[in-house]
Every structure is written in C-alpha cells, then in structure tokens.
C-alpha atoms as a PDB file:
ATOM      1  CA  UNK A   1       1.501 -43.737 -17.950  1.00  0.00           C
ATOM      2  CA  UNK A   2      -0.134 -41.057 -20.111  1.00  0.00           C
ATOM      3  CA  UNK A   3       0.352 -37.442 -19.128  1.00  0.00           C
ATOM      4  CA  UNK A   4      -2.869 -35.617 -18.342  1.00  0.00           C
ATOM      5  CA  UNK A   5      -3.020 -32.146 -19.882  1.00  0.00           C
ATOM      6  CA  UNK A   6      -5.371 -29.760 -18.174  1.00  0.00           C
ATOM      7  CA  UNK A   7      -7.162 -27.421 -20.515  1.00  0.00           C
ATOM      8  CA  UNK A   8      -8.305 -24.007 -19.417  1.00  0.00           C
ATOM      9  CA  UNK A   9     -10.962 -21.730 -20.805  1.00  0.00           C
ATOM     10  CA  UNK A  10     -10.264 -18.124 -21.705  1.00  0.00           C
ATOM     11  CA  UNK A  11     -12.131 -17.065 -18.548  1.00  0.00           C
ATOM     12  CA  UNK A  12      -9.982 -19.310 -16.363  1.00  0.00           C
ATOM     13  CA  UNK A  13      -6.794 -17.950 -17.943  1.00  0.00           C
ATOM     14  CA  UNK A  14      -8.042 -14.413 -17.456  1.00  0.00           C
ATOM     15  CA  UNK A  15      -8.659 -15.157 -13.783  1.00  0.00           C
ATOM     16  CA  UNK A  16      -5.239 -16.790 -13.298  1.00  0.00           C
ATOM     17  CA  UNK A  17      -3.260 -14.078 -15.087  1.00  0.00           C
ATOM     18  CA  UNK A  18      -5.233 -10.973 -14.225  1.00  0.00           C
ATOM     19  CA  UNK A  19      -5.572 -10.171 -17.917  1.00  0.00           C
ATOM     20  CA  UNK A  20      -8.982  -9.458 -19.353  1.00  0.00           C
ATOM     21  CA  UNK A  21     -10.541 -11.756 -21.945  1.00  0.00           C
ATOM     22  CA  UNK A  22     -10.124  -8.868 -24.393  1.00  0.00           C
ATOM     23  CA  UNK A  23      -6.388  -8.620 -23.556  1.00  0.00           C
ATOM     24  CA  UNK A  24      -5.938 -12.371 -24.092  1.00  0.00           C
ATOM     25  CA  UNK A  25      -7.508 -12.106 -27.532  1.00  0.00           C
ATOM     26  CA  UNK A  26      -5.295  -9.092 -28.238  1.00  0.00           C
ATOM     27  CA  UNK A  27      -2.150 -11.009 -27.184  1.00  0.00           C
ATOM     28  CA  UNK A  28      -3.161 -13.813 -29.524  1.00  0.00           C
ATOM     29  CA  UNK A  29      -3.855 -11.396 -32.386  1.00  0.00           C
ATOM     30  CA  UNK A  30      -0.471  -9.696 -31.831  1.00  0.00           C
ATOM     31  CA  UNK A  31       1.394 -13.012 -32.032  1.00  0.00           C
ATOM     32  CA  UNK A  32       2.610 -12.934 -28.450  1.00  0.00           C
ATOM     33  CA  UNK A  33       1.911 -16.579 -27.658  1.00  0.00           C
ATOM     34  CA  UNK A  34       4.768 -19.013 -28.195  1.00  0.00           C
ATOM     35  CA  UNK A  35       2.380 -21.768 -29.244  1.00  0.00           C
ATOM     36  CA  UNK A  36      -0.738 -21.239 -31.323  1.00  0.00           C
ATOM     37  CA  UNK A  37      -3.852 -20.994 -29.190  1.00  0.00           C
ATOM     38  CA  UNK A  38      -5.736 -24.240 -29.665  1.00  0.00           C
ATOM     39  CA  UNK A  39      -9.451 -24.478 -30.281  1.00  0.00           C
ATOM     40  CA  UNK A  40     -11.740 -26.940 -28.592  1.00  0.00           C
ATOM     41  CA  UNK A  41     -15.036 -28.336 -29.758  1.00  0.00           C
ATOM     42  CA  UNK A  42     -17.221 -25.493 -30.933  1.00  0.00           C
ATOM     43  CA  UNK A  43     -14.204 -23.315 -31.774  1.00  0.00           C
ATOM     44  CA  UNK A  44     -13.613 -22.002 -28.252  1.00  0.00           C
ATOM     45  CA  UNK A  45     -10.074 -21.144 -27.229  1.00  0.00           C
ATOM     46  CA  UNK A  46      -8.369 -23.773 -25.070  1.00  0.00           C
ATOM     47  CA  UNK A  47      -5.221 -22.987 -23.092  1.00  0.00           C
ATOM     48  CA  UNK A  48      -2.638 -25.058 -21.226  1.00  0.00           C
ATOM     49  CA  UNK A  49      -0.682 -24.335 -18.062  1.00  0.00           C
ATOM     50  CA  UNK A  50       2.290 -23.702 -20.349  1.00  0.00           C
ATOM     51  CA  UNK A  51       0.315 -20.897 -21.987  1.00  0.00           C
ATOM     52  CA  UNK A  52      -0.375 -19.403 -18.547  1.00  0.00           C
ATOM     53  CA  UNK A  53       3.319 -19.663 -17.647  1.00  0.00           C
ATOM     54  CA  UNK A  54       4.308 -17.896 -20.871  1.00  0.00           C
ATOM     55  CA  UNK A  55       1.691 -15.195 -20.297  1.00  0.00           C
ATOM     56  CA  UNK A  56       3.199 -14.594 -16.862  1.00  0.00           C
ATOM     57  CA  UNK A  57       6.537 -13.826 -18.526  1.00  0.00           C
ATOM     58  CA  UNK A  58       4.794 -11.519 -21.009  1.00  0.00           C
ATOM     59  CA  UNK A  59       2.917  -9.712 -18.233  1.00  0.00           C
ATOM     60  CA  UNK A  60       6.137  -9.066 -16.317  1.00  0.00           C
ATOM     61  CA  UNK A  61       7.992  -7.861 -19.404  1.00  0.00           C
ATOM     62  CA  UNK A  62       5.100  -5.536 -20.334  1.00  0.00           C
ATOM     63  CA  UNK A  63       4.843  -4.238 -16.747  1.00  0.00           C
ATOM     64  CA  UNK A  64       8.548  -3.415 -16.901  1.00  0.00           C
ATOM     65  CA  UNK A  65       7.940  -1.304 -19.989  1.00  0.00           C
ATOM     66  CA  UNK A  66       8.924  -3.656 -22.807  1.00  0.00           C
ATOM     67  CA  UNK A  67       7.258  -2.351 -25.973  1.00  0.00           C
ATOM     68  CA  UNK A  68       4.945  -4.684 -27.875  1.00  0.00           C
ATOM     69  CA  UNK A  69       7.263  -4.947 -30.901  1.00  0.00           C
ATOM     70  CA  UNK A  70      10.134  -6.088 -28.653  1.00  0.00           C
ATOM     71  CA  UNK A  71       7.878  -8.562 -26.853  1.00  0.00           C
ATOM     72  CA  UNK A  72       6.638  -9.861 -30.202  1.00  0.00           C
ATOM     73  CA  UNK A  73      10.255 -10.243 -31.371  1.00  0.00           C
ATOM     74  CA  UNK A  74      11.120 -12.132 -28.197  1.00  0.00           C
ATOM     75  CA  UNK A  75       8.113 -14.454 -28.672  1.00  0.00           C
ATOM     76  CA  UNK A  76       9.154 -15.036 -32.299  1.00  0.00           C
ATOM     77  CA  UNK A  77      12.662 -15.989 -31.192  1.00  0.00           C
ATOM     78  CA  UNK A  78      11.390 -18.364 -28.505  1.00  0.00           C
ATOM     79  CA  UNK A  79       8.933 -19.870 -30.991  1.00  0.00           C
ATOM     80  CA  UNK A  80      11.775 -20.602 -33.432  1.00  0.00           C
ATOM     81  CA  UNK A  81      13.559 -22.657 -30.781  1.00  0.00           C
ATOM     82  CA  UNK A  82      17.242 -23.263 -30.200  1.00  0.00           C
ATOM     83  CA  UNK A  83      19.879 -21.431 -32.175  1.00  0.00           C
ATOM     84  CA  UNK A  84      18.923 -17.813 -31.526  1.00  0.00           C
ATOM     85  CA  UNK A  85      19.851 -17.512 -27.857  1.00  0.00           C
ATOM     86  CA  UNK A  86      22.346 -14.720 -28.652  1.00  0.00           C
ATOM     87  CA  UNK A  87      19.537 -12.593 -30.115  1.00  0.00           C
ATOM     88  CA  UNK A  88      17.311 -13.302 -27.107  1.00  0.00           C
ATOM     89  CA  UNK A  89      20.129 -12.354 -24.767  1.00  0.00           C
ATOM     90  CA  UNK A  90      20.776  -9.096 -26.643  1.00  0.00           C
ATOM     91  CA  UNK A  91      17.094  -8.190 -26.557  1.00  0.00           C
ATOM     92  CA  UNK A  92      16.848  -8.897 -22.815  1.00  0.00           C
ATOM     93  CA  UNK A  93      20.095  -7.047 -22.039  1.00  0.00           C
ATOM     94  CA  UNK A  94      18.791  -3.970 -23.867  1.00  0.00           C
ATOM     95  CA  UNK A  95      15.575  -4.153 -21.919  1.00  0.00           C
ATOM     96  CA  UNK A  96      17.462  -4.632 -18.656  1.00  0.00           C
ATOM     97  CA  UNK A  97      19.410  -1.425 -19.394  1.00  0.00           C
ATOM     98  CA  UNK A  98      16.133   0.408 -20.036  1.00  0.00           C
ATOM     99  CA  UNK A  99      14.620  -0.878 -16.772  1.00  0.00           C
ATOM    100  CA  UNK A 100      17.768   0.049 -14.835  1.00  0.00           C
ATOM    101  CA  UNK A 101      17.527   3.602 -16.183  1.00  0.00           C
ATOM    102  CA  UNK A 102      13.849   3.743 -15.204  1.00  0.00           C
ATOM    103  CA  UNK A 103      14.699   2.590 -11.688  1.00  0.00           C
ATOM    104  CA  UNK A 104      17.373   5.299 -11.370  1.00  0.00           C
ATOM    105  CA  UNK A 105      14.928   7.994 -12.462  1.00  0.00           C
ATOM    106  CA  UNK A 106      12.246   6.705 -10.108  1.00  0.00           C
ATOM    107  CA  UNK A 107      14.770   6.606  -7.266  1.00  0.00           C
ATOM    108  CA  UNK A 108      15.503  10.307  -7.870  1.00  0.00           C
ATOM    109  CA  UNK A 109      11.766  11.006  -7.782  1.00  0.00           C
ATOM    110  CA  UNK A 110      11.381   9.034  -4.560  1.00  0.00           C
ATOM    111  CA  UNK A 111      14.277  10.937  -2.979  1.00  0.00           C
ATOM    112  CA  UNK A 112      12.517  14.231  -3.717  1.00  0.00           C
ATOM    113  CA  UNK A 113       9.212  12.928  -2.372  1.00  0.00           C
ATOM    114  CA  UNK A 114      10.879  11.704   0.829  1.00  0.00           C
ATOM    115  CA  UNK A 115      12.531  15.090   1.236  1.00  0.00           C
ATOM    116  CA  UNK A 116       9.219  16.937   0.764  1.00  0.00           C
ATOM    117  CA  UNK A 117       7.453  14.639   3.234  1.00  0.00           C
ATOM    118  CA  UNK A 118      10.187  15.361   5.775  1.00  0.00           C
ATOM    119  CA  UNK A 119       9.891  19.106   5.209  1.00  0.00           C
ATOM    120  CA  UNK A 120       6.146  19.103   5.764  1.00  0.00           C
ATOM    121  CA  UNK A 121       6.367  16.779   8.760  1.00  0.00           C
ATOM    122  CA  UNK A 122       8.937  19.141  10.306  1.00  0.00           C
ATOM    123  CA  UNK A 123       6.751  22.169   9.569  1.00  0.00           C
ATOM    124  CA  UNK A 124       3.715  20.545  11.139  1.00  0.00           C
ATOM    125  CA  UNK A 125       5.711  19.323  14.155  1.00  0.00           C
ATOM    126  CA  UNK A 126       6.960  22.862  14.787  1.00  0.00           C
ATOM    127  CA  UNK A 127       3.544  24.448  14.293  1.00  0.00           C
ATOM    128  CA  UNK A 128       5.251  26.614  11.707  1.00  0.00           C
ATOM    129  CA  UNK A 129       3.235  29.298   9.950  1.00  0.00           C
ATOM    130  CA  UNK A 130       1.472  28.096   6.811  1.00  0.00           C
ATOM    131  CA  UNK A 131       3.251  30.668   4.633  1.00  0.00           C
ATOM    132  CA  UNK A 132       6.537  28.746   4.887  1.00  0.00           C
ATOM    133  CA  UNK A 133       7.350  27.075   1.621  1.00  0.00           C
ATOM    134  CA  UNK A 134       9.892  24.374   0.945  1.00  0.00           C
ATOM    135  CA  UNK A 135      12.207  23.581  -1.958  1.00  0.00           C
ATOM    136  CA  UNK A 136      14.001  20.404  -2.736  1.00  0.00           C
ATOM    137  CA  UNK A 137      17.695  20.281  -2.045  1.00  0.00           C
ATOM    138  CA  UNK A 138      19.684  21.963  -4.780  1.00  0.00           C
ATOM    139  CA  UNK A 139      21.069  19.536  -7.378  1.00  0.00           C
ATOM    140  CA  UNK A 140      24.586  20.747  -6.580  1.00  0.00           C
ATOM    141  CA  UNK A 141      24.300  19.717  -2.923  1.00  0.00           C
ATOM    142  CA  UNK A 142      26.658  16.973  -1.815  1.00  0.00           C
ATOM    143  CA  UNK A 143      25.071  13.540  -1.917  1.00  0.00           C
ATOM    144  CA  UNK A 144      26.435  12.863   1.558  1.00  0.00           C
ATOM    145  CA  UNK A 145      25.224  16.060   3.161  1.00  0.00           C
ATOM    146  CA  UNK A 146      21.841  16.581   4.749  1.00  0.00           C
ATOM    147  CA  UNK A 147      19.603  18.719   2.525  1.00  0.00           C
ATOM    148  CA  UNK A 148      18.642  22.065   3.910  1.00  0.00           C
ATOM    149  CA  UNK A 149      15.064  23.146   3.899  1.00  0.00           C
ATOM    150  CA  UNK A 150      14.545  26.433   2.142  1.00  0.00           C
ATOM    151  CA  UNK A 151      11.596  28.680   1.646  1.00  0.00           C
ATOM    152  CA  UNK A 152       9.200  27.786  -1.269  1.00  0.00           C
ATOM    153  CA  UNK A 153       6.842  24.910  -2.070  1.00  0.00           C
END
C-alpha cells in the first residue's frame, strides 16, 4: 500500500509551529532545514510533517539560547547523516552546559525576587511605614539560614 504524504503550505506550517511566514523563509535561507524545502506547482513552498517535526526541534533549541551558527552546524551534521554522531553529541553537550548555567543564574534571580516579595508582603501585613526599605540577603549569608530583612529597597 502506498504511503500518503501530506503536504502543508507555508501558512499551515506557520500556524502549527508558531513561527511567522517570514521566520520560515529566514530558516530556509539560513540553511536550518534538514531537507531542502520542496516547491509545488507554481513555485510555492510545500512542507511535510517531517519538516514540522524538525522545526519543533529548532524552535526549542533557539528558545534555549542556541546561537544560529550552532543550530546551522547541527542541521548540517544531521543532513550529512550517520557517521558524525560524536560531533552532534559534543555540540549538544556544550549547549546543555550553557543552558545549565543559564538556569543557575535564573534560579539566583528568582531567589532574590522571592525574597523581595516576602519582604514587601511582610511590610504590608504589618502596616509598616512606607519609609522602610529592604535589601536582599547578603551574599555571605548561610544558604541554610533564613535571610534577614534589612533597611533599604
């Protein structure tokens, strides 16, 4: 039995991926597709579900901060097929390390924000005078201890 391949228009792919039509053209121009974008009658771009699946990977890698040159390199490696898995793994491990660092920095930011929210909630609960200001816990404070609220904003 013959396999039926569904073709999608650029508008349909944009809707499914959340990318704009302009972004899809840009991804094509930058060589980020694993397979060349096919053209239908009249020269219009025609995509497959496989293209949408690949774009989903690209979207996630970009959202995690992977630079375009690294994403392009990854697409090139995938396009070349078997035999370069070690290079792909190295590229993804490097990116994982970058993302892990980002998460650590964001966690520090979130800790400060949580602290500040707590300070202001406490001030409002106590009907404290508006001139009270609050600092973050000092960086030298023990991680296990409860931060003290000091004066300053």
